[in-house]
Amino acid sequence: MPTLFRFLAVLAAIAGIIYGGMVALVTFVEPQPRDVTIRIPSERINPPATGTIAPAKK
């Protein structure tokens, strides 16, 4: 049983270190807002015609 307690203690310590790191990141790091531009080729927005459109039947 002592090895189980030691294993759980090690897991708790690792979880505490990870949680502490996350808290430190949230507290001390301020993100820089910036503009994001994504270029989309015109072929994807307005694809070239591949043929004629069949007229609608009445």
PDB file of N, CA and C in Angstrom:
ATOM      1  N   MET A   1       0.799  -1.201   0.000  1.00  0.00           N
ATOM      2  CA  MET A   1       0.000   0.000   0.000  1.00  0.00           C
ATOM      3  C   MET A   1       0.850   1.278   0.000  1.00  0.00           C
ATOM      4  N   PRO A   2       2.025   1.283   0.635  1.00  0.00           N
ATOM      5  CA  PRO A   2       2.818   2.521   0.608  1.00  0.00           C
ATOM      6  C   PRO A   2       3.197   2.950  -0.807  1.00  0.00           C
ATOM      7  N   THR A   3       3.401   1.981  -1.714  1.00  0.00           N
ATOM      8  CA  THR A   3       3.772   2.383  -3.073  1.00  0.00           C
ATOM      9  C   THR A   3       2.606   3.069  -3.771  1.00  0.00           C
ATOM     10  N   LEU A   4       1.371   2.664  -3.448  1.00  0.00           N
ATOM     11  CA  LEU A   4       0.210   3.327  -4.034  1.00  0.00           C
ATOM     12  C   LEU A   4       0.122   4.768  -3.542  1.00  0.00           C
ATOM     13  N   PHE A   5       0.339   4.976  -2.250  1.00  0.00           N
ATOM     14  CA  PHE A   5       0.304   6.333  -1.706  1.00  0.00           C
ATOM     15  C   PHE A   5       1.423   7.189  -2.292  1.00  0.00           C
ATOM     16  N   ARG A   6       2.600   6.600  -2.460  1.00  0.00           N
ATOM     17  CA  ARG A   6       3.721   7.339  -3.050  1.00  0.00           C
ATOM     18  C   ARG A   6       3.395   7.705  -4.499  1.00  0.00           C
ATOM     19  N   PHE A   7       2.806   6.772  -5.254  1.00  0.00           N
ATOM     20  CA  PHE A   7       2.421   7.031  -6.635  1.00  0.00           C
ATOM     21  C   PHE A   7       1.386   8.150  -6.711  1.00  0.00           C
ATOM     22  N   LEU A   8       0.379   8.092  -5.844  1.00  0.00           N
ATOM     23  CA  LEU A   8      -0.643   9.139  -5.843  1.00  0.00           C
ATOM     24  C   LEU A   8      -0.059  10.486  -5.429  1.00  0.00           C
ATOM     25  N   ALA A   9       0.884  10.472  -4.506  1.00  0.00           N
ATOM     26  CA  ALA A   9       1.530  11.723  -4.091  1.00  0.00           C
ATOM     27  C   ALA A   9       2.338  12.321  -5.244  1.00  0.00           C
ATOM     28  N   VAL A  10       3.032  11.481  -5.995  1.00  0.00           N
ATOM     29  CA  VAL A  10       3.804  11.973  -7.147  1.00  0.00           C
ATOM     30  C   VAL A  10       2.864  12.533  -8.206  1.00  0.00           C
ATOM     31  N   LEU A  11       1.759  11.838  -8.478  1.00  0.00           N
ATOM     32  CA  LEU A  11       0.790  12.358  -9.439  1.00  0.00           C
ATOM     33  C   LEU A  11       0.195  13.681  -8.978  1.00  0.00           C
ATOM     34  N   ALA A  12      -0.104  13.793  -7.677  1.00  0.00           N
ATOM     35  CA  ALA A  12      -0.645  15.044  -7.144  1.00  0.00           C
ATOM     36  C   ALA A  12       0.376  16.170  -7.262  1.00  0.00           C
ATOM     37  N   ALA A  13       1.652  15.867  -7.027  1.00  0.00           N
ATOM     38  CA  ALA A  13       2.694  16.892  -7.147  1.00  0.00           C
ATOM     39  C   ALA A  13       2.834  17.352  -8.596  1.00  0.00           C
ATOM     40  N   ILE A  14       2.802  16.414  -9.532  1.00  0.00           N
ATOM     41  CA  ILE A  14       2.900  16.779 -10.953  1.00  0.00           C
ATOM     42  C   ILE A  14       1.693  17.621 -11.361  1.00  0.00           C
ATOM     43  N   ALA A  15       0.502  17.226 -10.915  1.00  0.00           N
ATOM     44  CA  ALA A  15      -0.700  18.003 -11.232  1.00  0.00           C
ATOM     45  C   ALA A  15      -0.610  19.398 -10.623  1.00  0.00           C
ATOM     46  N   GLY A  16      -0.077  19.499  -9.413  1.00  0.00           N
ATOM     47  CA  GLY A  16       0.088  20.806  -8.772  1.00  0.00           C
ATOM     48  C   GLY A  16       1.067  21.695  -9.524  1.00  0.00           C
ATOM     49  N   ILE A  17       2.141  21.115 -10.009  1.00  0.00           N
ATOM     50  CA  ILE A  17       3.126  21.887 -10.784  1.00  0.00           C
ATOM     51  C   ILE A  17       2.499  22.386 -12.086  1.00  0.00           C
ATOM     52  N   ILE A  18       1.759  21.522 -12.754  1.00  0.00           N
ATOM     53  CA  ILE A  18       1.100  21.930 -14.001  1.00  0.00           C
ATOM     54  C   ILE A  18       0.071  23.019 -13.729  1.00  0.00           C
ATOM     55  N   TYR A  19      -0.729  22.838 -12.692  1.00  0.00           N
ATOM     56  CA  TYR A  19      -1.734  23.848 -12.338  1.00  0.00           C
ATOM     57  C   TYR A  19      -1.070  25.167 -11.967  1.00  0.00           C
ATOM     58  N   GLY A  20       0.010  25.111 -11.201  1.00  0.00           N
ATOM     59  CA  GLY A  20       0.739  26.335 -10.841  1.00  0.00           C
ATOM     60  C   GLY A  20       1.310  27.041 -12.060  1.00  0.00           C
ATOM     61  N   GLY A  21       1.805  26.266 -13.024  1.00  0.00           N
ATOM     62  CA  GLY A  21       2.319  26.867 -14.258  1.00  0.00           C
ATOM     63  C   GLY A  21       1.228  27.553 -15.047  1.00  0.00           C
ATOM     64  N   MET A  22       0.061  26.937 -15.083  1.00  0.00           N
ATOM     65  CA  MET A  22      -1.062  27.555 -15.789  1.00  0.00           C
ATOM     66  C   MET A  22      -1.497  28.845 -15.101  1.00  0.00           C
ATOM     67  N   VAL A  23      -1.544  28.832 -13.785  1.00  0.00           N
ATOM     68  CA  VAL A  23      -1.916  30.045 -13.048  1.00  0.00           C
ATOM     69  C   VAL A  23      -0.883  31.143 -13.290  1.00  0.00           C
ATOM     70  N   ALA A  24       0.397  30.777 -13.317  1.00  0.00           N
ATOM     71  CA  ALA A  24       1.446  31.764 -13.573  1.00  0.00           C
ATOM     72  C   ALA A  24       1.311  32.348 -14.973  1.00  0.00           C
ATOM     73  N   LEU A  25       1.014  31.523 -15.959  1.00  0.00           N
ATOM     74  CA  LEU A  25       0.837  32.032 -17.322  1.00  0.00           C
ATOM     75  C   LEU A  25      -0.337  33.000 -17.406  1.00  0.00           C
ATOM     76  N   VAL A  26      -1.437  32.651 -16.771  1.00  0.00           N
ATOM     77  CA  VAL A  26      -2.612  33.527 -16.806  1.00  0.00           C
ATOM     78  C   VAL A  26      -2.327  34.839 -16.090  1.00  0.00           C
ATOM     79  N   THR A  27      -1.562  34.779 -15.026  1.00  0.00           N
ATOM     80  CA  THR A  27      -1.311  35.974 -14.216  1.00  0.00           C
ATOM     81  C   THR A  27      -0.287  36.912 -14.857  1.00  0.00           C
ATOM     82  N   PHE A  28       0.794  36.359 -15.379  1.00  0.00           N
ATOM     83  CA  PHE A  28       1.923  37.197 -15.787  1.00  0.00           C
ATOM     84  C   PHE A  28       2.044  37.447 -17.282  1.00  0.00           C
ATOM     85  N   VAL A  29       1.374  36.697 -18.126  1.00  0.00           N
ATOM     86  CA  VAL A  29       1.523  36.868 -19.579  1.00  0.00           C
ATOM     87  C   VAL A  29       0.301  37.596 -20.112  1.00  0.00           C
ATOM     88  N   GLU A  30       0.532  38.714 -20.779  1.00  0.00           N
ATOM     89  CA  GLU A  30      -0.544  39.509 -21.384  1.00  0.00           C
ATOM     90  C   GLU A  30      -0.455  39.339 -22.904  1.00  0.00           C
ATOM     91  N   PRO A  31      -1.476  38.782 -23.543  1.00  0.00           N
ATOM     92  CA  PRO A  31      -1.403  38.591 -24.992  1.00  0.00           C
ATOM     93  C   PRO A  31      -1.430  39.925 -25.741  1.00  0.00           C
ATOM     94  N   GLN A  32      -0.745  39.945 -26.871  1.00  0.00           N
ATOM     95  CA  GLN A  32      -0.695  41.134 -27.717  1.00  0.00           C
ATOM     96  C   GLN A  32      -1.747  40.996 -28.814  1.00  0.00           C
ATOM     97  N   PRO A  33      -2.769  41.861 -28.830  1.00  0.00           N
ATOM     98  CA  PRO A  33      -3.750  41.772 -29.920  1.00  0.00           C
ATOM     99  C   PRO A  33      -3.128  42.233 -31.235  1.00  0.00           C
ATOM    100  N   ARG A  34      -3.487  41.556 -32.311  1.00  0.00           N
ATOM    101  CA  ARG A  34      -2.951  41.930 -33.623  1.00  0.00           C
ATOM    102  C   ARG A  34      -3.964  41.542 -34.689  1.00  0.00           C
ATOM    103  N   ASP A  35      -3.840  42.176 -35.845  1.00  0.00           N
ATOM    104  CA  ASP A  35      -4.717  41.894 -36.966  1.00  0.00           C
ATOM    105  C   ASP A  35      -4.272  40.611 -37.650  1.00  0.00           C
ATOM    106  N   VAL A  36      -5.229  39.840 -38.090  1.00  0.00           N
ATOM    107  CA  VAL A  36      -4.936  38.617 -38.814  1.00  0.00           C
ATOM    108  C   VAL A  36      -5.548  38.737 -40.198  1.00  0.00           C
ATOM    109  N   THR A  37      -4.730  38.544 -41.220  1.00  0.00           N
ATOM    110  CA  THR A  37      -5.188  38.614 -42.605  1.00  0.00           C
ATOM    111  C   THR A  37      -4.942  37.273 -43.262  1.00  0.00           C
ATOM    112  N   ILE A  38      -5.991  36.710 -43.817  1.00  0.00           N
ATOM    113  CA  ILE A  38      -5.878  35.449 -44.531  1.00  0.00           C
ATOM    114  C   ILE A  38      -6.258  35.700 -45.976  1.00  0.00           C
ATOM    115  N   ARG A  39      -5.326  35.450 -46.885  1.00  0.00           N
ATOM    116  CA  ARG A  39      -5.585  35.665 -48.306  1.00  0.00           C
ATOM    117  C   ARG A  39      -6.249  34.416 -48.878  1.00  0.00           C
ATOM    118  N   ILE A  40      -7.377  34.642 -49.540  1.00  0.00           N
ATOM    119  CA  ILE A  40      -8.106  33.560 -50.192  1.00  0.00           C
ATOM    120  C   ILE A  40      -8.040  33.810 -51.683  1.00  0.00           C
ATOM    121  N   PRO A  41      -7.553  32.841 -52.454  1.00  0.00           N
ATOM    122  CA  PRO A  41      -7.479  33.047 -53.905  1.00  0.00           C
ATOM    123  C   PRO A  41      -8.874  33.290 -54.486  1.00  0.00           C
ATOM    124  N   SER A  42      -8.931  34.139 -55.491  1.00  0.00           N
ATOM    125  CA  SER A  42     -10.225  34.477 -56.085  1.00  0.00           C
ATOM    126  C   SER A  42     -10.890  33.260 -56.728  1.00  0.00           C
ATOM    127  N   GLU A  43     -10.101  32.251 -57.111  1.00  0.00           N
ATOM    128  CA  GLU A  43     -10.686  31.056 -57.706  1.00  0.00           C
ATOM    129  C   GLU A  43     -11.547  30.296 -56.690  1.00  0.00           C
ATOM    130  N   ARG A  44     -11.227  30.397 -55.426  1.00  0.00           N
ATOM    131  CA  ARG A  44     -12.028  29.704 -54.424  1.00  0.00           C
ATOM    132  C   ARG A  44     -13.320  30.455 -54.116  1.00  0.00           C
ATOM    133  N   ILE A  45     -13.281  31.769 -54.243  1.00  0.00           N
ATOM    134  CA  ILE A  45     -14.479  32.556 -53.970  1.00  0.00           C
ATOM    135  C   ILE A  45     -15.404  32.575 -55.178  1.00  0.00           C
ATOM    136  N   ASN A  46     -14.829  32.809 -56.342  1.00  0.00           N
ATOM    137  CA  ASN A  46     -15.605  32.909 -57.583  1.00  0.00           C
ATOM    138  C   ASN A  46     -14.976  31.966 -58.605  1.00  0.00           C
ATOM    139  N   PRO A  47     -15.334  30.661 -58.561  1.00  0.00           N
ATOM    140  CA  PRO A  47     -14.674  29.716 -59.460  1.00  0.00           C
ATOM    141  C   PRO A  47     -15.017  29.991 -60.920  1.00  0.00           C
ATOM    142  N   PRO A  48     -14.085  29.722 -61.816  1.00  0.00           N
ATOM    143  CA  PRO A  48     -14.362  29.949 -63.239  1.00  0.00           C
ATOM    144  C   PRO A  48     -15.425  28.972 -63.734  1.00  0.00           C
ATOM    145  N   ALA A  49     -16.183  29.438 -64.723  1.00  0.00           N
ATOM    146  CA  ALA A  49     -17.243  28.601 -65.286  1.00  0.00           C
ATOM    147  C   ALA A  49     -16.609  27.434 -66.031  1.00  0.00           C
ATOM    148  N   THR A  50     -17.158  26.241 -65.816  1.00  0.00           N
ATOM    149  CA  THR A  50     -16.606  25.063 -66.483  1.00  0.00           C
ATOM    150  C   THR A  50     -17.423  24.665 -67.706  1.00  0.00           C
ATOM    151  N   GLY A  51     -18.554  25.259 -67.908  1.00  0.00           N
ATOM    152  CA  GLY A  51     -19.388  24.926 -69.057  1.00  0.00           C
ATOM    153  C   GLY A  51     -20.636  25.790 -69.038  1.00  0.00           C
ATOM    154  N   THR A  52     -21.553  25.468 -69.911  1.00  0.00           N
ATOM    155  CA  THR A  52     -22.783  26.240 -69.973  1.00  0.00           C
ATOM    156  C   THR A  52     -23.819  25.658 -69.024  1.00  0.00           C
ATOM    157  N   ILE A  53     -24.685  26.500 -68.560  1.00  0.00           N
ATOM    158  CA  ILE A  53     -25.767  26.068 -67.688  1.00  0.00           C
ATOM    159  C   ILE A  53     -26.950  25.702 -68.566  1.00  0.00           C
ATOM    160  N   ALA A  54     -27.491  24.524 -68.360  1.00  0.00           N
ATOM    161  CA  ALA A  54     -28.631  24.091 -69.146  1.00  0.00           C
ATOM    162  C   ALA A  54     -29.855  24.921 -68.788  1.00  0.00           C
ATOM    163  N   PRO A  55     -30.638  25.362 -69.781  1.00  0.00           N
ATOM    164  CA  PRO A  55     -31.817  26.149 -69.481  1.00  0.00           C
ATOM    165  C   PRO A  55     -32.852  25.324 -68.732  1.00  0.00           C
ATOM    166  N   ALA A  56     -33.604  25.993 -67.895  1.00  0.00           N
ATOM    167  CA  ALA A  56     -34.618  25.290 -67.100  1.00  0.00           C
ATOM    168  C   ALA A  56     -35.758  24.830 -68.000  1.00  0.00           C
ATOM    169  N   LYS A  57     -36.262  23.634 -67.765  1.00  0.00           N
ATOM    170  CA  LYS A  57     -37.376  23.089 -68.549  1.00  0.00           C
ATOM    171  C   LYS A  57     -38.677  23.560 -67.943  1.00  0.00           C
ATOM    172  N   LYS A  58     -39.652  23.817 -68.832  1.00  0.00           N
ATOM    173  CA  LYS A  58     -40.961  24.293 -68.370  1.00  0.00           C
ATOM    174  C   LYS A  58     -41.930  23.161 -68.263  1.00  0.00           C
TER     175      LYS A  58
END
